[in-house]
Amino acid sequence: AAMASDAYFPFSDTVELAAQQGIKAVIQLGGSIRDEDTIMKANEYGLVMVFTGVRHFKH
């Protein structure tokens, strides 16, 4: 299963919870000051993570 988010992940716990639910790939905005932590957690769980660098949601 895959998961997409239009926001960055401020903490790596989101990746951990996703992996525990069977998610294998994540696409997200990126841009958090903690992106490196999130990447390390994704690698730990063998998740594919793609950063778009583009936010599609507008207020």
N, C-alpha and C. Protein backbone atom coordinates (compact mmCIF):
# COMPACT_ATOMS: atom_id res chain seq x y z
N ALA A 1 0.85 -1.19 0.00
CA ALA A 1 0.00 0.00 0.00
C ALA A 1 0.88 1.24 0.00
N ALA A 2 0.33 2.32 -0.50
CA ALA A 2 1.04 3.60 -0.56
C ALA A 2 0.24 4.66 0.18
N MET A 3 0.93 5.72 0.57
CA MET A 3 0.30 6.82 1.29
C MET A 3 0.81 8.13 0.72
N ALA A 4 -0.09 9.11 0.58
CA ALA A 4 0.29 10.44 0.09
C ALA A 4 -0.14 11.49 1.10
N SER A 5 0.65 12.53 1.22
CA SER A 5 0.33 13.63 2.12
C SER A 5 0.68 14.95 1.43
N ASP A 6 -0.19 15.94 1.59
CA ASP A 6 0.07 17.25 1.02
C ASP A 6 0.81 18.14 2.01
N ALA A 7 1.25 17.56 3.11
CA ALA A 7 2.00 18.30 4.12
C ALA A 7 3.27 17.52 4.44
N TYR A 8 4.25 18.22 4.98
CA TYR A 8 5.46 17.52 5.40
C TYR A 8 5.21 16.79 6.71
N PHE A 9 6.10 15.88 7.05
CA PHE A 9 6.01 15.13 8.31
C PHE A 9 6.96 15.79 9.30
N PRO A 10 6.43 16.47 10.33
CA PRO A 10 7.30 17.16 11.26
C PRO A 10 8.09 16.23 12.17
N PHE A 11 7.61 14.99 12.31
CA PHE A 11 8.29 14.02 13.16
C PHE A 11 8.29 12.66 12.47
N SER A 12 9.24 11.81 12.81
CA SER A 12 9.38 10.50 12.15
C SER A 12 8.33 9.50 12.61
N ASP A 13 7.55 9.81 13.64
CA ASP A 13 6.55 8.85 14.13
C ASP A 13 5.48 8.56 13.08
N THR A 14 5.23 9.49 12.18
CA THR A 14 4.25 9.26 11.11
C THR A 14 4.71 8.12 10.22
N VAL A 15 5.98 8.09 9.90
CA VAL A 15 6.53 7.02 9.07
C VAL A 15 6.46 5.70 9.83
N GLU A 16 6.77 5.73 11.10
CA GLU A 16 6.73 4.51 11.91
C GLU A 16 5.31 3.94 11.95
N LEU A 17 4.32 4.79 12.18
CA LEU A 17 2.92 4.34 12.21
C LEU A 17 2.49 3.80 10.85
N ALA A 18 2.90 4.47 9.78
CA ALA A 18 2.56 4.02 8.43
C ALA A 18 3.14 2.63 8.18
N ALA A 19 4.39 2.42 8.53
CA ALA A 19 5.03 1.12 8.32
C ALA A 19 4.33 0.03 9.12
N GLN A 20 3.92 0.34 10.32
CA GLN A 20 3.22 -0.63 11.15
C GLN A 20 1.86 -1.02 10.56
N GLN A 21 1.31 -0.16 9.70
CA GLN A 21 0.03 -0.44 9.06
C GLN A 21 0.19 -1.05 7.67
N GLY A 22 1.42 -1.36 7.28
CA GLY A 22 1.66 -2.03 6.01
C GLY A 22 1.96 -1.12 4.84
N ILE A 23 2.13 0.16 5.09
CA ILE A 23 2.48 1.10 4.02
C ILE A 23 3.92 0.82 3.58
N LYS A 24 4.13 0.78 2.26
CA LYS A 24 5.46 0.50 1.71
C LYS A 24 6.07 1.69 0.97
N ALA A 25 5.23 2.67 0.62
CA ALA A 25 5.71 3.85 -0.11
C ALA A 25 4.95 5.08 0.36
N VAL A 26 5.68 6.18 0.50
CA VAL A 26 5.10 7.44 0.97
C VAL A 26 5.55 8.55 0.03
N ILE A 27 4.60 9.39 -0.36
CA ILE A 27 4.93 10.60 -1.11
C ILE A 27 4.44 11.78 -0.27
N GLN A 28 5.32 12.74 -0.09
CA GLN A 28 4.99 13.88 0.77
C GLN A 28 5.71 15.13 0.29
N LEU A 29 5.31 16.25 0.84
CA LEU A 29 5.86 17.55 0.47
C LEU A 29 7.35 17.68 0.80
N GLY A 30 7.73 17.27 2.01
CA GLY A 30 9.09 17.52 2.48
C GLY A 30 9.23 18.96 2.92
N GLY A 31 10.36 19.30 3.46
CA GLY A 31 10.62 20.66 3.89
C GLY A 31 10.65 20.86 5.39
N SER A 32 10.49 19.79 6.15
CA SER A 32 10.58 19.88 7.60
C SER A 32 12.04 20.00 8.01
N ILE A 33 12.28 20.68 9.12
CA ILE A 33 13.66 20.74 9.63
C ILE A 33 14.12 19.37 10.12
N ARG A 34 13.18 18.44 10.24
CA ARG A 34 13.50 17.08 10.69
C ARG A 34 13.40 16.05 9.56
N ASP A 35 13.48 16.49 8.31
CA ASP A 35 13.40 15.56 7.18
C ASP A 35 14.42 14.44 7.30
N GLU A 36 15.62 14.74 7.76
CA GLU A 36 16.66 13.71 7.87
C GLU A 36 16.23 12.60 8.83
N ASP A 37 15.58 12.95 9.94
CA ASP A 37 15.06 11.94 10.87
C ASP A 37 14.01 11.07 10.20
N THR A 38 13.14 11.71 9.43
CA THR A 38 12.08 10.99 8.73
C THR A 38 12.67 10.04 7.69
N ILE A 39 13.67 10.49 6.98
CA ILE A 39 14.35 9.65 5.98
C ILE A 39 15.00 8.45 6.66
N MET A 40 15.67 8.69 7.77
CA MET A 40 16.33 7.58 8.48
C MET A 40 15.30 6.56 8.97
N LYS A 41 14.15 7.02 9.46
CA LYS A 41 13.11 6.10 9.92
C LYS A 41 12.53 5.32 8.74
N ALA A 42 12.33 5.97 7.61
CA ALA A 42 11.84 5.29 6.41
C ALA A 42 12.83 4.21 5.98
N ASN A 43 14.11 4.53 5.99
CA ASN A 43 15.13 3.55 5.63
C ASN A 43 15.14 2.37 6.60
N GLU A 44 14.94 2.67 7.87
CA GLU A 44 14.90 1.62 8.90
C GLU A 44 13.79 0.60 8.61
N TYR A 45 12.66 1.09 8.11
CA TYR A 45 11.52 0.23 7.81
C TYR A 45 11.47 -0.24 6.36
N GLY A 46 12.42 0.19 5.55
CA GLY A 46 12.43 -0.22 4.15
C GLY A 46 11.35 0.46 3.31
N LEU A 47 10.90 1.62 3.74
CA LEU A 47 9.88 2.37 3.00
C LEU A 47 10.52 3.19 1.89
N VAL A 48 9.84 3.28 0.78
CA VAL A 48 10.21 4.20 -0.28
C VAL A 48 9.57 5.54 0.07
N MET A 49 10.36 6.62 0.03
CA MET A 49 9.81 7.94 0.32
C MET A 49 10.19 8.90 -0.79
N VAL A 50 9.19 9.61 -1.29
CA VAL A 50 9.39 10.59 -2.36
C VAL A 50 8.99 11.96 -1.82
N PHE A 51 9.85 12.94 -2.02
CA PHE A 51 9.55 14.32 -1.66
C PHE A 51 9.17 15.08 -2.92
N THR A 52 8.01 15.74 -2.91
CA THR A 52 7.56 16.48 -4.09
C THR A 52 8.11 17.90 -4.12
N GLY A 53 8.26 18.50 -2.94
CA GLY A 53 8.69 19.89 -2.89
C GLY A 53 7.62 20.87 -3.35
N VAL A 54 6.41 20.36 -3.61
CA VAL A 54 5.31 21.19 -4.10
C VAL A 54 4.08 20.95 -3.24
N ARG A 55 3.51 22.03 -2.74
CA ARG A 55 2.27 21.90 -1.98
C ARG A 55 1.12 22.27 -2.90
N HIS A 56 0.15 21.38 -3.02
CA HIS A 56 -0.97 21.59 -3.93
C HIS A 56 -2.15 22.25 -3.25
N PHE A 57 -2.27 22.09 -1.94
CA PHE A 57 -3.38 22.69 -1.20
C PHE A 57 -3.11 24.17 -1.01
N LYS A 58 -4.09 24.98 -1.29
CA LYS A 58 -3.98 26.43 -1.12
C LYS A 58 -5.08 26.90 -0.17
N HIS A 59 -4.75 27.83 0.71
CA HIS A 59 -5.75 28.40 1.63
C HIS A 59 -6.47 29.52 0.93
